[in-house]
Amino acid sequence: MNSSITKLSNDFFRTFTDKTLLFLLEYGWDIEYGGLCETLDGQGKNGPEDFRRVMVHGRQLFVFSRWTQVTGDKTFERMADNIFEYLTDIFWDVDCEGWYSRVTIDGKPLDFTKDLYAHAFVLFGLLHYAEYINKKKAKPWIQKTITVLQERFTRPDGSYKEKMNRYFSDVTGNQRSQNPHMHLLEAALALSNRCESSQYKSLVASLLKLFNDKFLDKRKLVIREYLDRNFYPDKEIGHIIEPGHHYEWAWLLDWTAETLDQPQLKDLGARILSRSLEFGWDLEFDGIFDQINLTDVSILKSSKRLWPVLELIKALCVYPSDRNFIYLNNCLKIVLERYLKKTGTWIEHYTQDWQMVSDKMPVSSAYHLGMACLELDKFNDS
């Protein structure tokens, strides 16, 4: 089994590195206006979107910075430099601070919203650019982003404001969402691992407490996606849960256990992984369902996007067992046979029985592909 996993992992890594990233180098950057395209088709044609998102630039900054270190390829470094310059020149709100969510194709502010999810990914990207490309250039932007998060986004209840207007008034409304907090934890873990400061471990610990106290349903061992301001399930969409986010949390709990020296978190992560495989895995056609009903863990949305199976791969790598090796082998086959083509392009979305939903490829998926490759590399070296 391990030899099969190693071979499949190597095929995955080579395709992503030698094909997908070269495809994104050739077609993902807008030569006329600058900035990263939102979506591409299999021939490299840009999608119809008339905007640029800061989140996409944060994710791609991570990918090309990390792969500069992985490969030593200077073309990846130049791409990372281009993304960094565009990000800091175009998306930063000079007058009010913080990162704009979206700009027009020609770089004018379009959506002034200050978004927690986006800020988390910008921080994550900047940390990797600093580590692998240019620490001197990135360091002040990292500090600016941390300052905004600490001074503008926090709430007295320990959560963070998911969306604010340009002037940092909370426009989130009644809803509280776990996903932005999850990715803030990811950025906080990356920050804590790179900066020797107790305040960043404290940030990790506070986000872990929020997860344990508010987002995790300990009785059902499921993670609630959408809550109200009092952290009860939202009346309209509080029943929706996503298996893919359970796998992400399982992987993050392993990382958090190491960072905070709390080994019991690994047991919690393993139990969440096991539980979410029960309701997330399609026993008939294989693959991961997009959405499940919190009330009775029935299927809400049977379609299958790319990212959940990639997050499952990461989680399976850090919780090794005979059963999980079988799942990991199956996941790698699904990625290589269904989603990732030998050309490096990919199918983003399928129906339950593997009929393609769309040929549109969000370039932000490179983050998920890259993260899975890195975790597989560590797994095969262990």
Protein backbone atom coordinates (compact mmCIF):
# COMPACT_ATOMS: atom_id res chain seq x y z
CA MET A 1 0.00 0.00 0.00
CA ASN A 2 2.76 2.46 0.94
CA SER A 3 4.57 1.90 -2.36
CA SER A 4 1.34 2.64 -4.22
CA ILE A 5 0.79 5.81 -2.18
CA THR A 6 4.37 6.91 -2.87
CA LYS A 7 4.00 6.41 -6.62
CA LEU A 8 0.66 8.19 -6.77
CA SER A 9 2.04 11.02 -4.61
CA ASN A 10 5.02 11.43 -6.93
CA ASP A 11 2.75 11.52 -9.98
CA PHE A 12 0.61 14.16 -8.28
CA PHE A 13 3.61 16.28 -7.30
CA ARG A 14 5.19 16.13 -10.77
CA THR A 15 1.95 17.03 -12.51
CA PHE A 16 1.31 19.97 -10.22
CA THR A 17 4.89 21.26 -10.34
CA ASP A 18 5.74 20.61 -13.99
CA LYS A 19 2.34 21.19 -15.58
CA THR A 20 -0.17 23.05 -13.37
CA LEU A 21 2.18 25.76 -12.18
CA LEU A 22 3.64 26.27 -15.65
CA PHE A 23 0.08 26.60 -16.98
CA LEU A 24 -0.64 29.24 -14.33
CA LEU A 25 2.60 31.03 -15.15
CA GLU A 26 1.61 31.23 -18.80
CA TYR A 27 -2.07 32.08 -18.47
CA GLY A 28 -2.83 33.09 -14.87
CA TRP A 29 -1.26 36.56 -14.94
CA ASP A 30 -2.99 39.38 -16.84
CA ILE A 31 -0.21 40.73 -19.08
CA GLU A 32 -2.20 43.82 -20.10
CA TYR A 33 -3.40 45.09 -16.70
CA GLY A 34 -1.44 43.05 -14.19
CA GLY A 35 -2.86 40.94 -11.42
CA LEU A 36 -4.12 37.37 -11.28
CA CYS A 37 -7.10 36.15 -13.25
CA GLU A 38 -9.97 34.67 -11.28
CA THR A 39 -10.70 31.66 -13.48
CA LEU A 40 -9.33 29.95 -16.57
CA ASP A 41 -10.63 27.29 -18.91
CA GLY A 42 -8.62 24.32 -20.11
CA GLN A 43 -7.14 26.31 -22.98
CA GLY A 44 -6.00 29.14 -20.71
CA LYS A 45 -8.76 31.58 -21.62
CA ASN A 46 -9.68 34.03 -18.86
CA GLY A 47 -13.13 33.79 -17.33
CA PRO A 48 -15.74 36.56 -17.56
CA GLU A 49 -15.00 38.04 -14.12
CA ASP A 50 -14.41 41.80 -14.22
CA PHE A 51 -12.56 42.02 -10.89
CA ARG A 52 -9.50 40.85 -8.98
CA ARG A 53 -9.71 39.40 -5.45
CA VAL A 54 -7.11 39.96 -2.77
CA MET A 55 -7.71 36.44 -1.40
CA VAL A 56 -6.57 34.93 -4.69
CA HIS A 57 -3.37 36.96 -4.58
CA GLY A 58 -2.66 35.88 -1.01
CA ARG A 59 -3.10 32.21 -1.90
CA GLN A 60 -0.99 32.41 -5.06
CA LEU A 61 1.72 34.34 -3.22
CA PHE A 62 1.99 31.35 -0.89
CA VAL A 63 2.14 28.85 -3.77
CA PHE A 64 4.79 30.54 -5.87
CA SER A 65 6.89 31.54 -2.84
CA ARG A 66 6.87 27.99 -1.50
CA TRP A 67 7.58 26.42 -4.87
CA THR A 68 10.52 28.76 -5.35
CA GLN A 69 12.02 27.03 -2.32
CA VAL A 70 10.87 23.56 -3.40
CA THR A 71 12.30 23.78 -6.93
CA GLY A 72 14.78 26.67 -6.97
CA ASP A 73 13.03 27.83 -10.16
CA LYS A 74 13.60 31.55 -10.73
CA THR A 75 10.45 31.85 -12.87
CA PHE A 76 8.42 30.96 -9.78
CA GLU A 77 10.32 33.60 -7.83
CA ARG A 78 9.58 36.26 -10.47
CA MET A 79 5.89 35.33 -10.34
CA ALA A 80 5.91 35.65 -6.54
CA ASP A 81 7.57 39.06 -6.86
CA ASN A 82 4.93 40.20 -9.35
CA ILE A 83 2.12 39.05 -7.08
CA PHE A 84 3.69 40.75 -4.04
CA GLU A 85 4.13 44.07 -5.87
CA TYR A 86 0.59 44.02 -7.26
CA LEU A 87 -0.86 43.02 -3.89
CA THR A 88 0.85 45.79 -1.95
CA ASP A 89 0.46 48.47 -4.64
CA ILE A 90 -3.19 47.87 -5.50
CA PHE A 91 -5.07 46.22 -2.63
CA TRP A 92 -3.85 48.15 0.44
CA ASP A 93 -6.17 50.92 1.61
CA VAL A 94 -3.67 53.76 2.07
CA ASP A 95 -6.13 56.10 3.77
CA CYS A 96 -7.90 53.70 6.14
CA GLU A 97 -5.55 50.68 6.24
CA GLY A 98 -6.51 47.08 5.68
CA TRP A 99 -6.87 45.19 2.40
CA TYR A 100 -9.63 45.87 -0.13
CA SER A 101 -11.53 42.70 -1.00
CA ARG A 102 -11.76 43.38 -4.73
CA VAL A 103 -10.47 45.79 -7.35
CA THR A 104 -11.41 46.36 -10.98
CA ILE A 105 -9.43 44.80 -13.80
CA ASP A 106 -7.41 48.01 -14.14
CA GLY A 107 -6.69 48.15 -10.39
CA LYS A 108 -9.25 50.59 -9.00
CA PRO A 109 -10.96 49.81 -5.65
CA LEU A 110 -14.23 47.99 -6.29
CA ASP A 111 -15.22 46.33 -3.02
CA PHE A 112 -14.00 48.28 0.00
CA THR A 113 -15.03 45.50 2.41
CA LYS A 114 -12.39 44.45 4.93
CA ASP A 115 -12.84 40.68 4.96
CA LEU A 116 -11.41 38.39 7.67
CA TYR A 117 -11.07 35.38 5.35
CA ALA A 118 -9.12 37.47 2.84
CA HIS A 119 -6.88 39.08 5.47
CA ALA A 120 -6.01 35.63 6.81
CA PHE A 121 -4.85 34.48 3.38
CA VAL A 122 -2.91 37.67 2.73
CA LEU A 123 -1.04 37.12 6.01
CA PHE A 124 -0.42 33.48 5.10
CA GLY A 125 0.97 34.47 1.70
CA LEU A 126 3.14 37.26 3.09
CA LEU A 127 4.67 34.94 5.68
CA HIS A 128 5.79 32.53 2.98
CA TYR A 129 7.06 35.32 0.75
CA ALA A 130 9.11 36.59 3.69
CA GLU A 131 10.54 33.18 4.45
CA TYR A 132 11.44 32.11 0.94
CA ILE A 133 11.82 35.26 -1.18
CA ASN A 134 12.32 38.61 0.53
CA LYS A 135 11.94 39.04 4.28
CA LYS A 136 12.95 42.72 4.24
CA LYS A 137 10.19 43.71 1.80
CA ALA A 138 7.52 41.54 3.37
CA LYS A 139 8.13 42.25 7.06
CA PRO A 140 6.45 45.69 7.27
CA TRP A 141 3.39 44.37 5.40
CA ILE A 142 3.14 41.41 7.75
CA GLN A 143 3.19 43.77 10.73
CA LYS A 144 0.60 46.07 9.16
CA THR A 145 -1.72 43.13 8.58
CA ILE A 146 -1.25 41.78 12.11
CA THR A 147 -1.94 45.25 13.56
CA VAL A 148 -5.16 45.61 11.60
CA LEU A 149 -6.32 42.14 12.66
CA GLN A 150 -5.52 42.81 16.31
CA GLU A 151 -6.89 46.36 16.52
CA ARG A 152 -9.84 46.27 14.14
CA PHE A 153 -11.18 42.73 13.78
CA THR A 154 -11.45 41.44 17.35
CA ARG A 155 -14.71 41.16 19.28
CA PRO A 156 -15.14 41.02 23.08
CA ASP A 157 -16.54 37.47 22.82
CA GLY A 158 -13.28 36.13 21.37
CA SER A 159 -14.50 35.92 17.78
CA TYR A 160 -13.43 38.13 14.88
CA LYS A 161 -15.53 40.39 12.70
CA GLU A 162 -15.96 38.52 9.44
CA LYS A 163 -16.80 41.57 7.33
CA MET A 164 -16.38 45.30 7.89
CA ASN A 165 -16.84 48.30 5.69
CA ARG A 166 -13.96 50.50 4.62
CA TYR A 167 -14.02 52.37 7.93
CA PHE A 168 -14.08 49.18 10.01
CA SER A 169 -17.72 49.21 11.04
CA ASP A 170 -18.92 45.62 11.49
CA VAL A 171 -21.33 44.69 8.68
CA THR A 172 -21.40 40.97 9.44
CA GLY A 173 -24.89 41.20 10.88
CA ASN A 174 -26.28 38.40 13.01
CA GLN A 175 -24.12 35.63 11.53
CA ARG A 176 -20.92 34.06 12.85
CA SER A 177 -18.98 31.77 10.48
CA GLN A 178 -16.33 29.20 11.33
CA ASN A 179 -14.46 29.20 8.00
CA PRO A 180 -12.75 32.62 8.29
CA HIS A 181 -11.71 31.77 11.85
CA MET A 182 -10.30 28.45 10.69
CA HIS A 183 -8.06 30.15 8.14
CA LEU A 184 -7.05 32.78 10.67
CA LEU A 185 -5.90 29.88 12.85
CA GLU A 186 -3.90 28.55 9.90
CA ALA A 187 -2.21 31.93 9.46
CA ALA A 188 -1.65 32.21 13.23
CA LEU A 189 0.04 28.79 13.29
CA ALA A 190 2.29 29.81 10.40
CA LEU A 191 3.07 33.06 12.25
CA SER A 192 3.77 31.29 15.53
CA ASN A 193 6.14 28.85 13.83
CA ARG A 194 8.12 31.68 12.25
CA CYS A 195 8.17 34.33 14.99
CA GLU A 196 9.39 33.75 18.51
CA SER A 197 6.73 35.63 20.38
CA SER A 198 4.34 34.33 23.00
CA GLN A 199 1.58 36.60 21.69
CA TYR A 200 1.22 34.51 18.56
CA LYS A 201 0.91 31.28 20.52
CA SER A 202 -1.70 33.09 22.59
CA LEU A 203 -3.55 33.91 19.37
CA VAL A 204 -3.47 30.23 18.40
CA ALA A 205 -4.75 29.27 21.86
CA SER A 206 -7.59 31.81 21.73
CA LEU A 207 -8.76 30.58 18.33
CA LEU A 208 -8.59 26.99 19.55
CA LYS A 209 -10.77 27.95 22.52
CA LEU A 210 -13.28 29.60 20.19
CA PHE A 211 -13.40 26.40 18.15
CA ASN A 212 -13.86 24.18 21.19
CA ASP A 213 -16.43 26.41 22.89
CA LYS A 214 -18.48 27.65 19.93
CA PHE A 215 -17.97 25.92 16.60
CA LEU A 216 -17.51 22.29 17.64
CA ASP A 217 -20.65 20.36 18.55
CA LYS A 218 -19.03 18.02 21.06
CA ARG A 219 -22.03 15.72 21.35
CA LYS A 220 -22.35 15.04 17.64
CA LEU A 221 -18.64 15.62 16.94
CA VAL A 222 -19.44 17.90 14.01
CA ILE A 223 -18.28 21.40 13.19
CA ARG A 224 -20.99 24.00 12.77
CA GLU A 225 -20.56 26.35 9.82
CA TYR A 226 -23.06 29.15 10.40
CA LEU A 227 -24.08 30.47 13.79
CA ASP A 228 -25.88 33.58 14.99
CA ARG A 229 -24.36 36.28 17.17
CA ASN A 230 -25.09 34.16 20.27
CA PHE A 231 -23.39 31.14 18.66
CA TYR A 232 -26.51 29.13 18.12
CA PRO A 233 -27.09 27.58 14.66
CA ASP A 234 -28.35 30.21 12.24
CA LYS A 235 -32.10 29.79 11.70
CA GLU A 236 -31.85 29.77 7.91
CA ILE A 237 -28.55 28.06 7.09
CA GLY A 238 -27.32 26.73 10.43
CA HIS A 239 -28.11 23.16 9.37
CA ILE A 240 -25.40 23.18 6.68
CA ILE A 241 -22.09 21.49 7.46
CA GLU A 242 -19.22 20.68 5.09
CA PRO A 243 -17.13 17.50 5.32
CA GLY A 244 -14.18 19.29 3.70
CA HIS A 245 -13.92 21.72 6.59
CA HIS A 246 -13.91 18.83 9.05
CA TYR A 247 -10.84 17.44 7.31
CA GLU A 248 -9.19 20.86 7.38
CA TRP A 249 -9.85 21.18 11.10
CA ALA A 250 -8.52 17.66 11.76
CA TRP A 251 -5.27 18.62 10.01
CA LEU A 252 -5.08 21.96 11.84
CA LEU A 253 -5.63 20.27 15.20
CA ASP A 254 -2.56 18.12 14.54
CA TRP A 255 -0.53 21.26 13.81
CA THR A 256 -1.99 23.02 16.85
CA ALA A 257 -1.15 20.05 19.07
CA GLU A 258 2.50 20.37 18.09
CA THR A 259 2.57 24.17 18.38
CA LEU A 260 0.96 24.33 21.83
CA ASP A 261 2.38 21.01 23.04
CA GLN A 262 -1.11 19.64 23.66
CA PRO A 263 -1.01 16.05 22.35
CA GLN A 264 -4.63 15.44 23.33
CA LEU A 265 -5.64 17.61 20.38
CA LYS A 266 -4.40 14.89 18.05
CA ASP A 267 -6.94 12.51 19.54
CA LEU A 268 -9.69 15.06 18.98
CA GLY A 269 -8.54 15.56 15.39
CA ALA A 270 -8.49 11.81 14.77
CA ARG A 271 -12.03 11.46 16.12
CA ILE A 272 -13.29 14.35 13.98
CA LEU A 273 -11.66 12.79 10.92
CA SER A 274 -13.20 9.39 11.62
CA ARG A 275 -16.65 10.85 12.28
CA SER A 276 -16.64 13.05 9.17
CA LEU A 277 -15.57 10.16 6.96
CA GLU A 278 -18.75 8.40 8.07
CA PHE A 279 -21.01 11.10 6.66
CA GLY A 280 -18.74 12.76 4.10
CA TRP A 281 -17.54 9.84 1.99
CA ASP A 282 -19.75 8.63 -0.87
CA LEU A 283 -19.95 4.86 -0.44
CA GLU A 284 -21.62 4.42 -3.82
CA PHE A 285 -19.44 6.48 -6.16
CA ASP A 286 -16.48 7.44 -3.93
CA GLY A 287 -15.43 11.04 -3.31
CA ILE A 288 -16.57 13.70 -0.84
CA PHE A 289 -20.02 15.29 -0.67
CA ASP A 290 -20.09 19.09 -0.68
CA GLN A 291 -22.69 19.58 2.06
CA ILE A 292 -24.38 17.55 4.79
CA ASN A 293 -27.39 18.29 7.02
CA LEU A 294 -26.30 18.89 10.62
CA THR A 295 -29.63 17.65 11.97
CA ASP A 296 -29.49 14.06 10.74
CA VAL A 297 -26.22 13.97 8.69
CA SER A 298 -28.17 13.34 5.50
CA ILE A 299 -26.84 14.56 2.16
CA LEU A 300 -27.71 18.18 1.34
CA LYS A 301 -25.54 18.68 -1.72
CA SER A 302 -24.20 15.54 -3.36
CA SER A 303 -21.91 17.34 -5.81
CA LYS A 304 -18.14 17.07 -5.34
CA ARG A 305 -15.72 19.96 -5.59
CA LEU A 306 -11.97 19.43 -5.82
CA TRP A 307 -10.84 20.99 -2.56
CA PRO A 308 -12.52 18.62 -0.02
CA VAL A 309 -10.66 15.54 -1.28
CA LEU A 310 -7.39 17.50 -1.14
CA GLU A 311 -8.11 18.49 2.46
CA LEU A 312 -8.89 14.87 3.26
CA ILE A 313 -5.51 13.86 1.82
CA LYS A 314 -3.79 16.29 4.21
CA ALA A 315 -5.69 14.94 7.21
CA LEU A 316 -5.05 11.30 6.31
CA CYS A 317 -1.32 12.02 6.10
CA VAL A 318 -1.12 13.19 9.72
CA TYR A 319 -3.35 10.44 11.17
CA PRO A 320 -1.76 7.25 9.80
CA SER A 321 -3.57 3.94 10.21
CA ASP A 322 -4.27 0.93 8.00
CA ARG A 323 -7.79 2.19 7.32
CA ASN A 324 -6.59 5.70 6.56
CA PHE A 325 -3.93 4.35 4.17
CA ILE A 326 -6.73 2.74 2.17
CA TYR A 327 -8.62 6.04 2.06
CA LEU A 328 -5.43 7.91 1.13
CA ASN A 329 -4.71 5.54 -1.75
CA ASN A 330 -8.29 5.94 -2.99
CA CYS A 331 -8.16 9.74 -2.68
CA LEU A 332 -4.97 9.95 -4.73
CA LYS A 333 -6.51 7.78 -7.43
CA ILE A 334 -9.59 10.01 -7.49
CA VAL A 335 -7.47 13.16 -7.81
CA LEU A 336 -5.38 11.73 -10.66
CA GLU A 337 -8.19 9.94 -12.47
CA ARG A 338 -11.02 12.45 -12.00
CA TYR A 339 -9.77 15.93 -11.15
CA LEU A 340 -6.17 16.60 -12.18
CA LYS A 341 -5.40 16.05 -15.86
CA LYS A 342 -1.98 15.07 -17.18
CA THR A 343 -1.84 18.51 -18.82
CA GLY A 344 -1.93 20.12 -15.35
CA THR A 345 -5.41 21.56 -15.83
CA TRP A 346 -8.18 20.27 -13.62
CA ILE A 347 -11.90 19.72 -13.24
CA GLU A 348 -13.17 21.75 -10.32
CA HIS A 349 -16.66 20.36 -9.81
CA TYR A 350 -18.58 17.13 -10.48
CA THR A 351 -22.02 15.76 -9.82
CA GLN A 352 -22.28 12.81 -7.45
CA ASP A 353 -21.87 10.29 -10.28
CA TRP A 354 -18.89 12.13 -11.80
CA GLN A 355 -20.50 14.22 -14.50
CA MET A 356 -18.57 17.46 -14.98
CA VAL A 357 -20.43 20.54 -13.72
CA SER A 358 -18.19 23.18 -15.30
CA ASP A 359 -14.87 23.47 -17.13
CA LYS A 360 -14.08 26.70 -15.26
CA MET A 361 -10.95 26.47 -13.09
CA PRO A 362 -10.64 28.89 -10.14
CA VAL A 363 -6.93 29.69 -9.93
CA SER A 364 -7.27 29.83 -6.13
CA SER A 365 -7.46 26.02 -6.17
CA ALA A 366 -3.68 25.98 -6.60
CA TYR A 367 -3.50 26.64 -2.85
CA HIS A 368 -5.33 23.39 -2.05
CA LEU A 369 -3.36 21.42 -4.64
CA GLY A 370 -0.07 22.77 -3.33
CA MET A 371 -0.90 22.16 0.32
CA ALA A 372 -1.83 18.54 -0.40
CA CYS A 373 1.42 18.03 -2.31
CA LEU A 374 3.47 19.40 0.59
CA GLU A 375 1.75 17.20 3.16
CA LEU A 376 2.22 14.12 0.98
CA ASP A 377 5.90 14.95 0.64
CA LYS A 378 6.26 15.05 4.43
CA PHE A 379 4.25 11.84 4.78
CA ASN A 380 6.41 9.92 2.31
CA ASP A 381 9.62 11.16 3.98
CA SER A 382 8.49 10.05 7.42
